[in-house]
Amino acid sequence: MTIFSYHTRSRASGFSLLEVLITIIVMSFGLLGIAGLLIKGMGFNNASYVRSVATQQAYDMGDRIRANAAGARAGNYNAISYTANQTCNACPAAGCAANILAAYDACYWNTQNETLLPMGRGTITRDGDEFVISVKWDSNKDGVVDGDDKGIELRTQL
């Protein structure tokens, strides 16, 4: 009887070692899957954050246009495009003309777009009574802002 139980015990101990090894392998794949989900989720979270900043930037320029109605009516916001590395000249403390304020608004806005968004750029065009405010950034991370990148477009009126 002692010999029979010795053989049973030695087989069982080897089998449990194999079970532990298989369990470790299965858990490793599960943990790798969870890590992948976390990384993907962080990427979606970052994309959402950038989109929200771009939306806020578009609304900021819409507010600037409405605040400088005289400059908007005079056509100072009709065709604003992105220019890299601008130096913005602030208005004098006593106040400034509508066209100077519009130039400052455009410069400051695009400087902020550059700072807050990855390769952020803003343009404004006028379509009748509407101003079309577009904010684009390097959303696909290919190093250029082009037609493949997503953007925000806001239409506003005076």
N, C-alpha and C. Protein backbone atom coordinates (compact mmCIF):
# COMPACT_ATOMS: atom_id res chain seq x y z
N MET A 1 0.81 -1.18 0.00
CA MET A 1 0.00 0.00 0.00
C MET A 1 0.86 1.25 0.00
N THR A 2 1.95 1.23 0.58
CA THR A 2 2.83 2.38 0.61
C THR A 2 3.37 2.70 -0.78
N ILE A 3 3.66 1.72 -1.58
CA ILE A 3 4.18 1.95 -2.93
C ILE A 3 3.12 2.60 -3.81
N PHE A 4 1.90 2.16 -3.71
CA PHE A 4 0.81 2.72 -4.52
C PHE A 4 0.62 4.20 -4.22
N SER A 5 0.60 4.58 -2.95
CA SER A 5 0.39 5.99 -2.63
C SER A 5 1.61 6.82 -2.99
N TYR A 6 2.81 6.29 -3.03
CA TYR A 6 3.99 7.04 -3.44
C TYR A 6 3.89 7.43 -4.91
N HIS A 7 3.47 6.48 -5.79
CA HIS A 7 3.32 6.80 -7.21
C HIS A 7 2.24 7.85 -7.43
N THR A 8 1.15 7.78 -6.74
CA THR A 8 0.05 8.73 -6.89
C THR A 8 0.50 10.14 -6.48
N ARG A 9 1.24 10.20 -5.39
CA ARG A 9 1.69 11.49 -4.90
C ARG A 9 2.68 12.15 -5.87
N SER A 10 3.60 11.40 -6.46
CA SER A 10 4.59 12.00 -7.35
C SER A 10 3.95 12.48 -8.65
N ARG A 11 2.98 11.78 -9.19
CA ARG A 11 2.28 12.23 -10.40
C ARG A 11 1.47 13.49 -10.11
N ALA A 12 0.82 13.57 -8.98
CA ALA A 12 0.00 14.72 -8.63
C ALA A 12 0.85 15.96 -8.46
N SER A 13 2.04 15.85 -7.88
CA SER A 13 2.87 17.04 -7.68
C SER A 13 3.37 17.57 -9.02
N GLY A 14 3.71 16.76 -9.96
CA GLY A 14 4.14 17.22 -11.29
C GLY A 14 2.99 17.84 -12.06
N PHE A 15 1.81 17.30 -11.91
CA PHE A 15 0.64 17.83 -12.61
C PHE A 15 0.27 19.21 -12.08
N SER A 16 0.37 19.46 -10.80
CA SER A 16 0.02 20.78 -10.25
C SER A 16 1.02 21.84 -10.71
N LEU A 17 2.27 21.48 -10.92
CA LEU A 17 3.27 22.43 -11.43
C LEU A 17 2.90 22.85 -12.85
N LEU A 18 2.45 21.92 -13.66
CA LEU A 18 2.00 22.24 -15.02
C LEU A 18 0.77 23.13 -15.00
N GLU A 19 -0.16 22.88 -14.07
CA GLU A 19 -1.35 23.73 -13.94
C GLU A 19 -0.97 25.16 -13.58
N VAL A 20 -0.01 25.33 -12.69
CA VAL A 20 0.45 26.67 -12.29
C VAL A 20 1.08 27.38 -13.48
N LEU A 21 1.89 26.69 -14.26
CA LEU A 21 2.53 27.29 -15.44
C LEU A 21 1.49 27.74 -16.47
N ILE A 22 0.50 26.92 -16.72
CA ILE A 22 -0.56 27.29 -17.67
C ILE A 22 -1.36 28.47 -17.15
N THR A 23 -1.63 28.50 -15.85
CA THR A 23 -2.37 29.61 -15.25
C THR A 23 -1.59 30.91 -15.39
N ILE A 24 -0.28 30.86 -15.19
CA ILE A 24 0.55 32.07 -15.33
C ILE A 24 0.52 32.57 -16.77
N ILE A 25 0.58 31.67 -17.73
CA ILE A 25 0.55 32.06 -19.15
C ILE A 25 -0.80 32.69 -19.50
N VAL A 26 -1.89 32.09 -19.07
CA VAL A 26 -3.22 32.62 -19.35
C VAL A 26 -3.39 33.99 -18.70
N MET A 27 -2.96 34.14 -17.46
CA MET A 27 -3.08 35.42 -16.78
C MET A 27 -2.21 36.49 -17.44
N SER A 28 -1.03 36.09 -17.96
CA SER A 28 -0.16 37.05 -18.65
C SER A 28 -0.86 37.61 -19.88
N PHE A 29 -1.50 36.76 -20.66
CA PHE A 29 -2.24 37.25 -21.83
C PHE A 29 -3.39 38.16 -21.42
N GLY A 30 -4.06 37.83 -20.34
CA GLY A 30 -5.14 38.67 -19.84
C GLY A 30 -4.63 40.04 -19.41
N LEU A 31 -3.52 40.08 -18.71
CA LEU A 31 -2.95 41.34 -18.27
C LEU A 31 -2.45 42.17 -19.45
N LEU A 32 -1.89 41.52 -20.46
CA LEU A 32 -1.48 42.24 -21.67
C LEU A 32 -2.69 42.86 -22.37
N GLY A 33 -3.79 42.14 -22.40
CA GLY A 33 -5.02 42.67 -22.98
C GLY A 33 -5.54 43.87 -22.22
N ILE A 34 -5.50 43.81 -20.90
CA ILE A 34 -5.95 44.94 -20.08
C ILE A 34 -5.04 46.14 -20.30
N ALA A 35 -3.73 45.92 -20.38
CA ALA A 35 -2.79 47.02 -20.63
C ALA A 35 -3.07 47.67 -21.99
N GLY A 36 -3.36 46.85 -23.00
CA GLY A 36 -3.70 47.38 -24.32
C GLY A 36 -4.96 48.24 -24.28
N LEU A 37 -5.96 47.79 -23.53
CA LEU A 37 -7.19 48.57 -23.38
C LEU A 37 -6.93 49.90 -22.68
N LEU A 38 -6.08 49.89 -21.67
CA LEU A 38 -5.75 51.13 -20.97
C LEU A 38 -5.04 52.12 -21.89
N ILE A 39 -4.10 51.64 -22.67
CA ILE A 39 -3.37 52.51 -23.59
C ILE A 39 -4.31 53.08 -24.65
N LYS A 40 -5.17 52.25 -25.19
CA LYS A 40 -6.14 52.72 -26.19
C LYS A 40 -7.09 53.75 -25.57
N GLY A 41 -7.54 53.50 -24.36
CA GLY A 41 -8.42 54.45 -23.67
C GLY A 41 -7.74 55.78 -23.42
N MET A 42 -6.46 55.76 -23.06
CA MET A 42 -5.73 57.01 -22.85
C MET A 42 -5.60 57.79 -24.16
N GLY A 43 -5.43 57.08 -25.28
CA GLY A 43 -5.37 57.74 -26.58
C GLY A 43 -6.69 58.41 -26.92
N PHE A 44 -7.80 57.72 -26.66
CA PHE A 44 -9.12 58.32 -26.92
C PHE A 44 -9.36 59.51 -26.00
N ASN A 45 -8.90 59.42 -24.77
CA ASN A 45 -9.05 60.52 -23.83
C ASN A 45 -8.28 61.75 -24.31
N ASN A 46 -7.07 61.56 -24.82
CA ASN A 46 -6.28 62.67 -25.33
C ASN A 46 -6.94 63.29 -26.56
N ALA A 47 -7.46 62.47 -27.46
CA ALA A 47 -8.14 62.99 -28.65
C ALA A 47 -9.36 63.81 -28.26
N SER A 48 -10.08 63.35 -27.25
CA SER A 48 -11.24 64.09 -26.76
C SER A 48 -10.84 65.42 -26.16
N TYR A 49 -9.75 65.43 -25.41
CA TYR A 49 -9.26 66.67 -24.81
C TYR A 49 -8.88 67.69 -25.89
N VAL A 50 -8.15 67.24 -26.91
CA VAL A 50 -7.72 68.14 -27.98
C VAL A 50 -8.93 68.69 -28.73
N ARG A 51 -9.92 67.86 -28.99
CA ARG A 51 -11.13 68.32 -29.67
C ARG A 51 -11.86 69.36 -28.82
N SER A 52 -11.89 69.17 -27.52
CA SER A 52 -12.55 70.13 -26.65
C SER A 52 -11.80 71.46 -26.61
N VAL A 53 -10.46 71.43 -26.63
CA VAL A 53 -9.67 72.67 -26.68
C VAL A 53 -9.92 73.38 -28.01
N ALA A 54 -9.96 72.65 -29.11
CA ALA A 54 -10.21 73.26 -30.42
C ALA A 54 -11.59 73.90 -30.47
N THR A 55 -12.57 73.25 -29.89
CA THR A 55 -13.92 73.82 -29.84
C THR A 55 -13.92 75.12 -29.05
N GLN A 56 -13.23 75.12 -27.92
CA GLN A 56 -13.16 76.33 -27.10
C GLN A 56 -12.45 77.44 -27.86
N GLN A 57 -11.41 77.10 -28.62
CA GLN A 57 -10.69 78.10 -29.40
C GLN A 57 -11.59 78.70 -30.49
N ALA A 58 -12.40 77.88 -31.13
CA ALA A 58 -13.31 78.39 -32.16
C ALA A 58 -14.34 79.34 -31.53
N TYR A 59 -14.89 78.96 -30.39
CA TYR A 59 -15.85 79.83 -29.70
C TYR A 59 -15.19 81.13 -29.23
N ASP A 60 -13.91 81.04 -28.83
CA ASP A 60 -13.18 82.24 -28.40
C ASP A 60 -13.10 83.25 -29.55
N MET A 61 -12.78 82.76 -30.74
CA MET A 61 -12.69 83.70 -31.87
C MET A 61 -14.07 84.22 -32.25
N GLY A 62 -15.09 83.41 -32.16
CA GLY A 62 -16.44 83.89 -32.41
C GLY A 62 -16.81 85.02 -31.46
N ASP A 63 -16.44 84.88 -30.20
CA ASP A 63 -16.68 85.94 -29.22
C ASP A 63 -15.88 87.19 -29.55
N ARG A 64 -14.65 87.03 -30.01
CA ARG A 64 -13.82 88.18 -30.38
C ARG A 64 -14.43 88.93 -31.57
N ILE A 65 -14.96 88.19 -32.53
CA ILE A 65 -15.58 88.84 -33.70
C ILE A 65 -16.81 89.63 -33.26
N ARG A 66 -17.64 89.03 -32.43
CA ARG A 66 -18.84 89.73 -31.97
C ARG A 66 -18.50 90.92 -31.08
N ALA A 67 -17.41 90.83 -30.32
CA ALA A 67 -17.00 91.94 -29.45
C ALA A 67 -16.46 93.12 -30.26
N ASN A 68 -15.88 92.86 -31.41
CA ASN A 68 -15.34 93.91 -32.28
C ASN A 68 -16.23 94.02 -33.52
N ALA A 69 -17.49 94.34 -33.32
CA ALA A 69 -18.45 94.38 -34.42
C ALA A 69 -18.05 95.39 -35.48
N ALA A 70 -17.48 96.53 -35.07
CA ALA A 70 -17.05 97.54 -36.06
C ALA A 70 -15.97 96.97 -36.97
N GLY A 71 -15.03 96.25 -36.40
CA GLY A 71 -13.98 95.62 -37.20
C GLY A 71 -14.53 94.53 -38.10
N ALA A 72 -15.51 93.80 -37.62
CA ALA A 72 -16.12 92.73 -38.42
C ALA A 72 -16.89 93.33 -39.60
N ARG A 73 -17.66 94.39 -39.34
CA ARG A 73 -18.42 95.03 -40.43
C ARG A 73 -17.48 95.64 -41.47
N ALA A 74 -16.31 96.14 -41.02
CA ALA A 74 -15.35 96.75 -41.94
C ALA A 74 -14.58 95.70 -42.75
N GLY A 75 -14.77 94.42 -42.44
CA GLY A 75 -14.12 93.35 -43.23
C GLY A 75 -12.77 92.91 -42.69
N ASN A 76 -12.43 93.31 -41.47
CA ASN A 76 -11.12 92.96 -40.92
C ASN A 76 -10.99 91.49 -40.51
N TYR A 77 -12.09 90.76 -40.42
CA TYR A 77 -12.06 89.35 -40.07
C TYR A 77 -12.45 88.46 -41.26
N ASN A 78 -12.56 89.04 -42.45
CA ASN A 78 -13.08 88.30 -43.60
C ASN A 78 -12.19 87.16 -44.07
N ALA A 79 -10.89 87.32 -44.03
CA ALA A 79 -9.98 86.30 -44.56
C ALA A 79 -8.75 86.20 -43.69
N ILE A 80 -8.85 85.49 -42.60
CA ILE A 80 -7.71 85.30 -41.70
C ILE A 80 -7.17 83.90 -41.91
N SER A 81 -5.86 83.82 -42.09
CA SER A 81 -5.24 82.51 -42.27
C SER A 81 -4.09 82.35 -41.28
N TYR A 82 -3.60 81.14 -41.20
CA TYR A 82 -2.53 80.82 -40.26
C TYR A 82 -1.19 81.30 -40.79
N THR A 83 -0.40 81.92 -39.93
CA THR A 83 0.97 82.29 -40.22
C THR A 83 1.83 81.79 -39.06
N ALA A 84 2.88 81.08 -39.38
CA ALA A 84 3.72 80.49 -38.33
C ALA A 84 4.55 81.55 -37.62
N ASN A 85 4.79 81.32 -36.34
CA ASN A 85 5.68 82.13 -35.51
C ASN A 85 5.41 83.63 -35.60
N GLN A 86 4.19 84.02 -35.37
CA GLN A 86 3.82 85.43 -35.43
C GLN A 86 4.26 86.16 -34.15
N THR A 87 4.47 87.45 -34.29
CA THR A 87 4.70 88.32 -33.14
C THR A 87 3.50 89.25 -33.07
N CYS A 88 2.78 89.18 -31.96
CA CYS A 88 1.55 89.95 -31.83
C CYS A 88 1.84 91.30 -31.17
N ASN A 89 1.35 92.35 -31.79
CA ASN A 89 1.47 93.70 -31.23
C ASN A 89 0.19 94.02 -30.49
N ALA A 90 0.33 94.24 -29.20
CA ALA A 90 -0.84 94.52 -28.37
C ALA A 90 -1.36 95.92 -28.62
N CYS A 91 -2.63 96.12 -28.34
CA CYS A 91 -3.25 97.44 -28.47
C CYS A 91 -2.72 98.35 -27.36
N PRO A 92 -2.66 99.65 -27.62
CA PRO A 92 -2.26 100.58 -26.56
C PRO A 92 -3.28 100.55 -25.42
N ALA A 93 -2.83 100.96 -24.25
CA ALA A 93 -3.68 100.92 -23.05
C ALA A 93 -4.92 101.80 -23.21
N ALA A 94 -4.81 102.90 -23.94
CA ALA A 94 -5.93 103.82 -24.08
C ALA A 94 -7.00 103.30 -25.03
N GLY A 95 -6.73 102.24 -25.76
CA GLY A 95 -7.68 101.70 -26.74
C GLY A 95 -7.03 101.66 -28.11
N CYS A 96 -7.69 101.02 -29.03
CA CYS A 96 -7.11 100.94 -30.37
C CYS A 96 -8.22 100.89 -31.41
N ALA A 97 -7.82 101.11 -32.63
CA ALA A 97 -8.77 101.10 -33.74
C ALA A 97 -9.26 99.67 -33.98
N ALA A 98 -10.41 99.56 -34.62
CA ALA A 98 -11.03 98.25 -34.86
C ALA A 98 -10.15 97.35 -35.71
N ASN A 99 -9.46 97.91 -36.70
CA ASN A 99 -8.61 97.08 -37.56
C ASN A 99 -7.37 96.56 -36.81
N ILE A 100 -6.82 97.37 -35.90
CA ILE A 100 -5.67 96.92 -35.11
C ILE A 100 -6.10 95.84 -34.12
N LEU A 101 -7.26 96.01 -33.53
CA LEU A 101 -7.79 95.00 -32.62
C LEU A 101 -8.05 93.69 -33.36
N ALA A 102 -8.57 93.76 -34.57
CA ALA A 102 -8.82 92.55 -35.36
C ALA A 102 -7.51 91.84 -35.70
N ALA A 103 -6.47 92.60 -36.05
CA ALA A 103 -5.17 92.00 -36.36
C ALA A 103 -4.58 91.33 -35.11
N TYR A 104 -4.74 92.00 -33.97
CA TYR A 104 -4.25 91.42 -32.72
C TYR A 104 -5.03 90.15 -32.38
N ASP A 105 -6.34 90.19 -32.54
CA ASP A 105 -7.17 89.01 -32.26
C ASP A 105 -6.73 87.82 -33.10
N ALA A 106 -6.51 88.04 -34.39
CA ALA A 106 -6.11 86.96 -35.30
C ALA A 106 -4.74 86.41 -34.92
N CYS A 107 -3.81 87.30 -34.63
CA CYS A 107 -2.46 86.88 -34.26
C CYS A 107 -2.46 86.10 -32.95
N TYR A 108 -3.09 86.66 -31.93
CA TYR A 108 -3.13 86.01 -30.62
C TYR A 108 -3.85 84.67 -30.69
N TRP A 109 -4.95 84.62 -31.44
CA TRP A 109 -5.73 83.39 -31.57
C TRP A 109 -4.90 82.28 -32.20
N ASN A 110 -4.20 82.58 -33.29
CA ASN A 110 -3.40 81.55 -33.95
C ASN A 110 -2.18 81.17 -33.13
N THR A 111 -1.64 82.11 -32.35
CA THR A 111 -0.54 81.78 -31.45
C THR A 111 -1.02 80.80 -30.38
N GLN A 112 -2.23 81.05 -29.86
CA GLN A 112 -2.81 80.13 -28.88
C GLN A 112 -3.11 78.77 -29.51
N ASN A 113 -3.60 78.75 -30.74
CA ASN A 113 -3.86 77.49 -31.43
C ASN A 113 -2.57 76.68 -31.55
N GLU A 114 -1.47 77.36 -31.91
CA GLU A 114 -0.17 76.70 -32.02
C GLU A 114 0.27 76.11 -30.68
N THR A 115 0.03 76.86 -29.62
CA THR A 115 0.48 76.45 -28.30
C THR A 115 -0.37 75.32 -27.71
N LEU A 116 -1.67 75.42 -27.85
CA LEU A 116 -2.58 74.49 -27.17
C LEU A 116 -2.86 73.21 -27.94
N LEU A 117 -2.71 73.24 -29.26
CA LEU A 117 -3.05 72.09 -30.10
C LEU A 117 -1.80 71.58 -30.82
N PRO A 118 -1.73 70.29 -31.11
CA PRO A 118 -0.59 69.79 -31.89
C PRO A 118 -0.64 70.34 -33.32
N MET A 119 0.28 71.26 -33.61
CA MET A 119 0.34 71.94 -34.91
C MET A 119 -0.99 72.64 -35.22
N GLY A 120 -1.57 73.28 -34.22
CA GLY A 120 -2.87 73.92 -34.36
C GLY A 120 -2.85 75.12 -35.29
N ARG A 121 -3.90 75.22 -36.11
CA ARG A 121 -4.04 76.31 -37.07
C ARG A 121 -5.47 76.76 -37.14
N GLY A 122 -5.65 78.04 -37.34
CA GLY A 122 -7.00 78.57 -37.46
C GLY A 122 -7.16 79.46 -38.67
N THR A 123 -8.32 79.37 -39.30
CA THR A 123 -8.65 80.24 -40.43
C THR A 123 -10.06 80.76 -40.25
N ILE A 124 -10.30 81.93 -40.86
CA ILE A 124 -11.64 82.52 -40.84
C ILE A 124 -11.95 82.99 -42.25
N THR A 125 -13.11 82.64 -42.72
CA THR A 125 -13.61 83.15 -43.99
C THR A 125 -15.00 83.71 -43.77
N ARG A 126 -15.40 84.58 -44.66
CA ARG A 126 -16.74 85.16 -44.54
C ARG A 126 -17.59 84.62 -45.66
N ASP A 127 -18.79 84.20 -45.31
CA ASP A 127 -19.75 83.66 -46.27
C ASP A 127 -21.05 84.45 -46.09
N GLY A 128 -21.17 85.54 -46.81
CA GLY A 128 -22.34 86.40 -46.64
C GLY A 128 -22.31 87.08 -45.29
N ASP A 129 -23.33 86.84 -44.49
CA ASP A 129 -23.38 87.40 -43.14
C ASP A 129 -22.71 86.50 -42.10
N GLU A 130 -22.28 85.32 -42.51
CA GLU A 130 -21.68 84.37 -41.57
C GLU A 130 -20.16 84.40 -41.65
N PHE A 131 -19.56 84.20 -40.50
CA PHE A 131 -18.12 83.99 -40.43
C PHE A 131 -17.90 82.51 -40.16
N VAL A 132 -17.07 81.87 -40.98
CA VAL A 132 -16.77 80.45 -40.83
C VAL A 132 -15.40 80.35 -40.16
N ILE A 133 -15.40 79.88 -38.93
CA ILE A 133 -14.18 79.76 -38.14
C ILE A 133 -13.77 78.29 -38.14
N SER A 134 -12.56 78.01 -38.62
CA SER A 134 -12.06 76.63 -38.70
C SER A 134 -10.80 76.50 -37.86
N VAL A 135 -10.75 75.45 -37.08
CA VAL A 135 -9.56 75.12 -36.31
C VAL A 135 -9.16 73.70 -36.68
N LYS A 136 -7.91 73.54 -37.12
CA LYS A 136 -7.40 72.21 -37.49
C LYS A 136 -6.12 71.94 -36.72
N TRP A 137 -5.80 70.67 -36.59
CA TRP A 137 -4.58 70.25 -35.92
C TRP A 137 -4.15 68.92 -36.51
N ASP A 138 -2.95 68.49 -36.15
CA ASP A 138 -2.41 67.23 -36.66
C ASP A 138 -3.03 66.07 -35.89
N SER A 139 -4.26 65.73 -36.25
CA SER A 139 -5.00 64.70 -35.50
C SER A 139 -4.51 63.28 -35.81
N ASN A 140 -3.97 63.06 -36.99
CA ASN A 140 -3.50 61.70 -37.31
C ASN A 140 -2.00 61.53 -37.07
N LYS A 141 -1.36 62.54 -36.53
CA LYS A 141 0.04 62.50 -36.09
C LYS A 141 1.00 62.09 -37.20
N ASP A 142 0.78 62.64 -38.41
CA ASP A 142 1.70 62.36 -39.51
C ASP A 142 2.69 63.50 -39.75
N GLY A 143 2.66 64.55 -38.93
CA GLY A 143 3.62 65.64 -39.03
C GLY A 143 3.19 66.80 -39.91
N VAL A 144 2.02 66.72 -40.54
CA VAL A 144 1.51 67.83 -41.36
C VAL A 144 0.02 68.00 -41.08
N VAL A 145 -0.44 69.22 -41.26
CA VAL A 145 -1.87 69.50 -41.15
C VAL A 145 -2.39 69.60 -42.58
N ASP A 146 -3.21 68.63 -42.96
CA ASP A 146 -3.73 68.59 -44.33
C ASP A 146 -5.18 68.13 -44.31
N GLY A 147 -5.70 67.75 -45.46
CA GLY A 147 -7.09 67.34 -45.59
C GLY A 147 -7.43 66.07 -44.84
N ASP A 148 -6.43 65.27 -44.48
CA ASP A 148 -6.68 64.02 -43.75
C ASP A 148 -6.93 64.26 -42.26
N ASP A 149 -6.62 65.46 -41.79
CA ASP A 149 -6.78 65.75 -40.37
C ASP A 149 -8.17 66.25 -40.06
N LYS A 150 -8.61 65.94 -38.86
CA LYS A 150 -9.93 66.39 -38.40
C LYS A 150 -9.83 67.85 -37.96
N GLY A 151 -10.97 68.48 -37.88
CA GLY A 151 -11.00 69.86 -37.44
C GLY A 151 -12.37 70.25 -36.91
N ILE A 152 -12.44 71.46 -36.41
CA ILE A 152 -13.68 72.02 -35.89
C ILE A 152 -14.05 73.18 -36.79
N GLU A 153 -15.32 73.28 -37.12
CA GLU A 153 -15.81 74.42 -37.90
C GLU A 153 -17.00 75.01 -37.18
N LEU A 154 -16.94 76.33 -36.99
CA LEU A 154 -17.99 77.06 -36.30
C LEU A 154 -18.47 78.18 -37.21
N ARG A 155 -19.76 78.32 -37.32
CA ARG A 155 -20.35 79.43 -38.10
C ARG A 155 -21.02 80.37 -37.13
N THR A 156 -20.72 81.66 -37.28
CA THR A 156 -21.29 82.65 -36.38
C THR A 156 -21.64 83.90 -37.17
N GLN A 157 -22.55 84.67 -36.63
CA GLN A 157 -22.97 85.94 -37.22
C GLN A 157 -22.78 87.05 -36.21
N LEU A 158 -22.78 88.28 -36.71
CA LEU A 158 -22.72 89.44 -35.80
C LEU A 158 -24.01 89.58 -35.05
